[in-house]
Protein backbone atom coordinates (compact mmCIF):
# COMPACT_ATOMS: atom_id res chain seq x y z
CA MET A 1 291.18 84.97 248.89
CA PRO A 2 290.45 85.11 245.10
CA ARG A 3 291.39 82.01 243.57
CA SER A 4 294.15 81.29 241.25
CA GLY A 5 293.78 81.19 237.42
CA LEU A 6 294.69 77.37 237.71
CA ALA A 7 292.43 76.54 240.23
CA ARG A 8 289.73 78.01 238.56
CA ALA A 9 290.60 76.37 234.96
CA LEU A 10 290.72 72.86 237.07
CA HIS A 11 287.18 73.62 238.68
CA ALA A 12 286.09 74.40 235.09
CA ILE A 13 286.86 71.10 234.03
CA ARG A 14 285.50 69.50 237.08
CA ARG A 15 282.24 70.93 236.30
CA LEU A 16 282.35 69.98 232.80
CA TRP A 17 283.44 66.27 233.53
CA PHE A 18 280.19 66.42 235.38
CA GLN A 19 277.79 67.40 232.70
CA LEU A 20 279.19 65.22 230.30
CA ARG A 21 278.44 62.41 232.49
CA ALA A 22 274.68 63.84 233.09
CA LYS A 23 274.57 63.18 229.49
CA GLY A 24 275.19 59.60 229.67
CA PHE A 25 278.97 59.57 228.77
CA ARG A 26 280.70 57.38 231.59
CA GLY A 27 284.01 56.24 230.57
CA LEU A 28 285.87 59.62 229.59
CA ARG A 29 289.91 59.95 228.68
CA VAL A 30 291.28 63.27 229.04
CA GLU A 31 294.47 64.00 226.73
CA ILE A 32 296.95 66.67 227.37
CA GLN A 33 299.32 67.39 224.62
CA ALA A 34 302.65 69.48 225.27
CA PRO A 35 303.45 72.46 223.20
CA ASP A 36 304.89 71.54 219.52
CA GLY A 37 306.00 75.24 218.64
CA GLY A 38 302.42 75.85 219.04
CA GLY A 39 300.09 75.73 221.99
CA HIS A 40 298.38 73.03 224.24
CA THR A 41 295.80 71.15 223.48
CA LEU A 42 293.50 69.71 225.61
CA ARG A 43 290.79 66.85 224.40
CA ILE A 44 287.61 64.90 226.65
CA LEU A 45 287.17 62.15 224.61
CA SER A 46 284.62 59.25 225.28
CA LEU A 47 285.92 55.33 226.32
CA ASP A 48 282.67 53.96 225.39
CA ARG A 49 283.28 54.55 221.99
CA PRO A 50 286.60 54.95 220.83
CA GLY A 51 287.14 57.81 218.60
CA GLU A 52 284.38 59.54 220.07
CA LEU A 53 286.01 63.47 220.48
CA LEU A 54 283.74 65.35 222.91
CA VAL A 55 286.29 68.91 223.87
CA GLU A 56 289.12 69.87 221.99
CA VAL A 57 290.70 73.22 223.63
CA ARG A 58 294.04 74.67 222.14
CA LEU A 59 295.16 77.54 224.23
CA SER A 60 298.54 79.64 223.83
CA ARG A 61 300.68 82.43 225.53
CA SER A 62 300.61 85.96 224.09
CA ARG A 63 303.04 88.74 224.65
CA SER A 64 301.65 90.88 221.78
CA ALA A 65 297.94 90.89 222.54
CA PHE A 66 298.35 93.36 225.32
CA PRO A 67 301.88 95.38 225.60
CA GLY A 68 303.55 94.30 228.82
CA MET A 69 301.54 91.49 229.90
CA GLU A 70 301.23 87.82 229.26
CA VAL A 71 298.04 86.12 228.20
CA ILE A 72 296.70 83.10 227.34
CA ALA A 73 294.79 82.93 224.30
CA LEU A 74 292.14 80.89 222.83
CA GLU A 75 293.31 79.51 219.53
CA TRP A 76 290.14 77.28 219.36
CA MET A 77 287.49 75.32 220.89
CA LEU A 78 284.96 71.81 219.84
CA LEU A 79 282.39 71.33 222.43
CA GLN A 80 280.21 68.52 220.57
CA ASN A 81 277.92 65.50 221.16
CA PRO A 82 278.11 63.03 218.73
CA ARG A 83 275.31 61.21 219.83
CA ALA A 84 272.76 63.83 219.62
CA ARG A 85 270.42 64.07 216.98
CA PHE A 86 270.79 66.69 214.40
CA ARG A 87 268.06 69.59 213.80
CA PHE A 88 268.03 71.45 210.53
CA ARG A 89 267.62 75.35 211.66
CA PRO A 90 267.39 77.73 209.00
CA LEU A 91 269.94 80.35 208.51
CA ILE A 92 269.59 83.66 210.17
CA PRO A 93 268.41 86.17 207.94
CA VAL A 94 270.53 88.72 206.36
CA ALA A 95 269.58 92.07 205.68
CA TYR A 96 269.66 93.34 201.98
CA ARG A 97 270.21 96.76 200.76
């Protein structure tokens, strides 16, 4: 029997939760912000260091993307590890004319 969209979303969040814990983030808090004229926002923050934002996703319903259908549109997604060292990487080369 195929799983519902909600079941798939919860499974994905659970997998992400375990991946964050494997990276050393022990205390985690999930915040869900209800629509304020826009979409829903889900945030996962670290409780170990207050204010450490790890994940932020904003979703909204769209009826205009596909006529006759209602879909969930991903407005933005932030995935970051604020404890990781930044390694400078050169920019991707651009082909000049």
